[in-house]
């Protein structure tokens, strides 16, 4: 069984579509929604659906890493999949995952990404360029961060100590950690990523800011500085 862990924070606007679409998946799976302290009714709204809903205790450090680890503690599946609320899995995703992990050599993997919003020109062309570069990186380097719906065998996840709980960019930390754990599989049926944040902030601006942050991340710049830089230039972006 696949345990789908969805960390959320103030996502009530898109949560209905996210959960309705997810519940239409075929196969054997469970959905665990972990709220990180929403102020917009996300927690109460999620309880309307046949999913497990958890709230982060106040004594735990904030961030998606802590949310994912909390969800993983109660997960019953032998595979854990980490899914953002604004990312939709392709049809029969569970079948694709089970087929990919039928080979015991693979410890996990992820999906190639694709933007699903219809954007006006020239944003549409820029999103297509970003999407192609993103897909190439995913296929060639098996870099499964954030919006690629990464998945991992539950046993491997627990053996490696769980999801990083770093202050900022924990999804990048996990992507690197996942690559070090063993062989990864790439599912070429794409996940559908909502481009709302790129369109709100501007595609070029988003690309420049995230690119500069990744460069600083790679050379070890302080996480507090990276978080503040992120919030300054992309205030609506998710960390």
Protein backbone atom coordinates (compact mmCIF):
# COMPACT_ATOMS: atom_id res chain seq x y z
CA UNK A 1 0.00 0.00 0.00
CA UNK A 2 1.08 3.57 -0.69
CA UNK A 3 0.73 6.16 2.08
CA UNK A 4 0.29 9.62 0.55
CA UNK A 5 1.44 12.29 3.00
CA UNK A 6 0.28 15.81 2.18
CA UNK A 7 1.76 18.66 4.26
CA UNK A 8 -0.51 21.71 4.08
CA UNK A 9 -0.48 25.29 5.34
CA UNK A 10 -3.30 27.70 4.50
CA UNK A 11 -4.42 25.78 1.42
CA UNK A 12 -8.19 25.80 1.91
CA UNK A 13 -8.73 27.43 -1.50
CA UNK A 14 -7.25 24.51 -3.45
CA UNK A 15 -7.72 21.64 -0.99
CA UNK A 16 -11.13 20.55 -2.30
CA UNK A 17 -9.82 19.98 -5.82
CA UNK A 18 -6.63 18.39 -4.49
CA UNK A 19 -8.40 15.80 -2.33
CA UNK A 20 -11.29 15.13 -4.71
CA UNK A 21 -8.84 14.40 -7.51
CA UNK A 22 -6.61 12.29 -5.29
CA UNK A 23 -9.50 10.18 -4.00
CA UNK A 24 -10.33 9.19 -7.58
CA UNK A 25 -7.04 7.32 -7.89
CA UNK A 26 -7.28 3.56 -8.35
CA UNK A 27 -5.36 1.16 -6.19
CA UNK A 28 -4.60 0.56 -2.54
CA UNK A 29 -3.56 3.75 -0.77
CA UNK A 30 -4.24 6.01 2.20
CA UNK A 31 -4.11 9.80 2.45
CA UNK A 32 -2.64 11.57 5.47
CA UNK A 33 -3.07 15.35 5.59
CA UNK A 34 -0.79 17.09 8.08
CA UNK A 35 -1.66 20.72 8.83
CA UNK A 36 1.22 22.96 9.85
CA UNK A 37 -0.89 25.51 11.74
CA UNK A 38 -3.23 26.98 9.12
CA UNK A 39 -5.25 30.09 9.94
CA UNK A 40 -7.73 29.79 7.05
CA UNK A 41 -9.74 26.72 8.09
CA UNK A 42 -7.66 24.18 6.18
CA UNK A 43 -7.65 21.71 9.09
CA UNK A 44 -11.43 21.74 9.56
CA UNK A 45 -12.07 21.59 5.83
CA UNK A 46 -9.81 18.57 5.36
CA UNK A 47 -11.83 16.67 7.96
CA UNK A 48 -14.80 16.61 5.57
CA UNK A 49 -13.00 14.05 3.43
CA UNK A 50 -12.32 10.34 4.08
CA UNK A 51 -8.68 10.97 4.88
CA UNK A 52 -6.62 11.02 8.04
CA UNK A 53 -6.05 14.60 9.24
CA UNK A 54 -3.37 15.58 11.73
CA UNK A 55 -2.32 18.88 13.25
CA UNK A 56 1.27 19.72 14.13
CA UNK A 57 1.80 19.90 17.91
CA UNK A 58 3.09 23.32 19.04
CA UNK A 59 6.25 21.80 20.52
CA UNK A 60 7.48 20.53 17.14
CA UNK A 61 9.68 22.63 14.85
CA UNK A 62 7.76 24.21 11.95
CA UNK A 63 8.19 23.19 8.34
CA UNK A 64 7.23 20.47 5.90
CA UNK A 65 9.93 18.16 7.20
CA UNK A 66 8.30 17.95 10.62
CA UNK A 67 4.87 17.60 9.00
CA UNK A 68 6.01 14.71 6.81
CA UNK A 69 7.73 12.95 9.69
CA UNK A 70 4.59 13.23 11.81
CA UNK A 71 2.50 11.73 9.01
CA UNK A 72 5.03 8.96 8.48
CA UNK A 73 4.71 7.91 12.13
CA UNK A 74 1.15 6.70 11.55
CA UNK A 75 1.49 5.65 7.90
CA UNK A 76 0.57 2.01 7.25
CA UNK A 77 1.92 1.71 3.72
CA UNK A 78 5.15 0.10 2.68
CA UNK A 79 5.74 3.07 0.35
CA UNK A 80 5.55 6.74 1.38
CA UNK A 81 4.71 9.43 -1.20
CA UNK A 82 5.07 13.12 -0.36
CA UNK A 83 2.60 15.29 -2.25
CA UNK A 84 2.03 19.04 -2.28
CA UNK A 85 -1.59 20.19 -2.39
CA UNK A 86 -1.03 22.00 -5.71
CA UNK A 87 0.39 18.92 -7.45
CA UNK A 88 -1.90 16.33 -9.06
CA UNK A 89 -0.80 12.78 -9.66
CA UNK A 90 -1.40 11.19 -13.07
CA UNK A 91 -4.14 8.54 -13.38
CA UNK A 92 -3.08 5.11 -12.12
CA UNK A 93 -0.16 6.59 -10.22
CA UNK A 94 -0.33 3.80 -7.65
CA UNK A 95 0.02 1.21 -10.38
CA UNK A 96 3.06 3.02 -11.79
CA UNK A 97 4.70 3.16 -8.36
CA UNK A 98 4.04 -0.48 -7.57
CA UNK A 99 5.39 -1.56 -10.95
CA UNK A 100 8.51 0.58 -10.54
CA UNK A 101 9.26 -0.73 -7.06
CA UNK A 102 8.65 -4.34 -8.03
CA UNK A 103 12.37 -4.25 -8.70
CA UNK A 104 13.93 -4.48 -5.20
CA UNK A 105 17.00 -2.62 -6.41
CA UNK A 106 15.07 0.68 -6.37
CA UNK A 107 14.64 2.47 -3.04
CA UNK A 108 12.34 5.17 -4.37
CA UNK A 109 11.82 7.70 -7.10
CA UNK A 110 9.47 10.35 -8.39
CA UNK A 111 7.58 11.75 -11.36
CA UNK A 112 8.52 14.18 -14.11
CA UNK A 113 6.73 17.53 -13.69
CA UNK A 114 4.47 19.47 -16.04
CA UNK A 115 2.68 22.78 -15.55
CA UNK A 116 -1.07 22.50 -15.92
CA UNK A 117 -2.24 26.13 -16.00
CA UNK A 118 -3.05 27.89 -19.24
CA UNK A 119 -0.89 31.00 -19.16
CA UNK A 120 -0.93 34.03 -21.44
CA UNK A 121 1.96 34.70 -23.79
CA UNK A 122 4.88 35.27 -23.22
CA UNK A 123 4.50 33.55 -19.85
CA UNK A 124 3.33 30.38 -21.58
CA UNK A 125 6.55 30.09 -23.56
CA UNK A 126 8.67 30.77 -20.49
CA UNK A 127 6.80 28.17 -18.45
CA UNK A 128 7.35 25.65 -21.23
CA UNK A 129 11.09 26.39 -21.16
CA UNK A 130 11.20 26.00 -17.38
CA UNK A 131 9.20 22.79 -17.62
CA UNK A 132 11.54 21.25 -20.18
CA UNK A 133 14.62 22.12 -18.12
CA UNK A 134 12.92 20.77 -15.01
CA UNK A 135 12.02 17.52 -16.75
CA UNK A 136 15.56 17.08 -18.08
CA UNK A 137 16.98 17.53 -14.63
CA UNK A 138 14.53 15.04 -13.17
CA UNK A 139 15.18 12.37 -15.80
CA UNK A 140 18.96 12.72 -16.02
CA UNK A 141 19.89 13.43 -12.41
CA UNK A 142 16.94 11.84 -10.54
CA UNK A 143 16.50 15.07 -8.59
CA UNK A 144 13.16 14.62 -6.83
CA UNK A 145 12.41 17.79 -4.90
CA UNK A 146 9.04 19.16 -3.91
CA UNK A 147 6.74 19.19 -6.92
CA UNK A 148 7.95 15.89 -8.39
CA UNK A 149 5.92 13.84 -5.85
CA UNK A 150 8.91 11.87 -4.49
CA UNK A 151 8.29 8.44 -3.00
CA UNK A 152 10.42 6.06 -0.96
CA UNK A 153 10.12 2.65 0.63
CA UNK A 154 8.88 3.15 4.20
CA UNK A 155 11.58 0.91 5.65
CA UNK A 156 14.31 2.88 3.89
CA UNK A 157 12.76 6.17 5.04
CA UNK A 158 12.83 5.12 8.67
CA UNK A 159 16.32 3.65 8.45
CA UNK A 160 17.74 6.90 7.09
CA UNK A 161 16.25 8.97 9.90
CA UNK A 162 13.25 10.45 8.11
CA UNK A 163 12.75 13.74 6.30
CA UNK A 164 15.19 16.59 7.01
CA UNK A 165 13.78 19.25 9.34
CA UNK A 166 16.11 22.03 8.30
CA UNK A 167 14.91 25.60 8.60
CA UNK A 168 14.69 26.18 4.85
CA UNK A 169 14.87 24.13 1.62
CA UNK A 170 14.31 20.80 3.35
CA UNK A 171 12.91 19.40 0.09
CA UNK A 172 16.30 20.03 -1.57
CA UNK A 173 17.98 18.36 1.39
CA UNK A 174 15.70 15.35 0.96
CA UNK A 175 16.32 15.18 -2.79
CA UNK A 176 20.05 14.91 -2.14
CA UNK A 177 19.51 12.42 0.66
CA UNK A 178 17.31 10.27 -1.56
CA UNK A 179 19.98 10.10 -4.27
CA UNK A 180 22.53 8.86 -1.75
CA UNK A 181 20.30 6.06 -0.48
CA UNK A 182 20.35 3.93 -3.63
CA UNK A 183 18.92 3.51 -7.12
CA UNK A 184 15.94 5.66 -8.05
CA UNK A 185 13.26 5.24 -10.67
CA UNK A 186 11.72 7.98 -12.82
CA UNK A 187 8.03 7.67 -13.69
CA UNK A 188 7.54 9.43 -17.01
CA UNK A 189 3.80 9.96 -16.62
CA UNK A 190 3.95 13.58 -15.43
CA UNK A 191 2.46 15.10 -12.32
CA UNK A 192 0.46 18.26 -12.95
CA UNK A 193 1.95 21.26 -11.13
CA UNK A 194 -0.16 24.36 -10.55
CA UNK A 195 1.70 27.35 -12.00
CA UNK A 196 -0.23 29.85 -9.87
CA UNK A 197 2.80 30.97 -7.88
CA UNK A 198 4.96 31.45 -10.98
CA UNK A 199 2.21 33.48 -12.62
CA UNK A 200 1.52 35.58 -9.54
CA UNK A 201 5.17 36.50 -8.99
CA UNK A 202 6.15 36.49 -12.65
CA UNK A 203 7.84 33.56 -14.35
CA UNK A 204 11.15 35.32 -15.04
CA UNK A 205 11.33 36.78 -11.54
CA UNK A 206 10.54 33.40 -9.98
CA UNK A 207 13.21 31.71 -12.08
CA UNK A 208 15.87 34.30 -11.22
CA UNK A 209 15.10 34.27 -7.50
CA UNK A 210 14.93 30.49 -7.13
CA UNK A 211 18.04 30.11 -9.25
CA UNK A 212 19.98 32.54 -7.08
CA UNK A 213 18.74 30.80 -3.94
CA UNK A 214 19.81 27.39 -5.21
CA UNK A 215 23.26 28.74 -6.07
CA UNK A 216 23.62 30.15 -2.55
CA UNK A 217 22.25 26.92 -1.11
CA UNK A 218 24.90 24.92 -2.99
CA UNK A 219 27.75 26.99 -1.60
CA UNK A 220 26.44 26.78 1.96
CA UNK A 221 24.93 30.21 2.60
CA UNK A 222 23.14 30.51 5.96
CA UNK A 223 19.58 29.15 5.86
CA UNK A 224 18.16 32.16 7.70
CA UNK A 225 19.52 34.43 4.99
CA UNK A 226 18.08 32.18 2.26
CA UNK A 227 14.66 32.13 3.89
CA UNK A 228 14.58 35.90 4.28
CA UNK A 229 15.74 36.39 0.68
CA UNK A 230 12.99 34.06 -0.48
CA UNK A 231 10.30 35.81 1.50
CA UNK A 232 11.44 39.23 0.35
CA UNK A 233 11.27 38.50 -3.37
CA UNK A 234 8.64 35.74 -3.54
CA UNK A 235 6.28 36.55 -0.66
CA UNK A 236 3.56 34.21 -1.89
CA UNK A 237 5.89 31.28 -2.45
CA UNK A 238 5.84 28.12 -0.40
CA UNK A 239 9.06 27.26 1.39
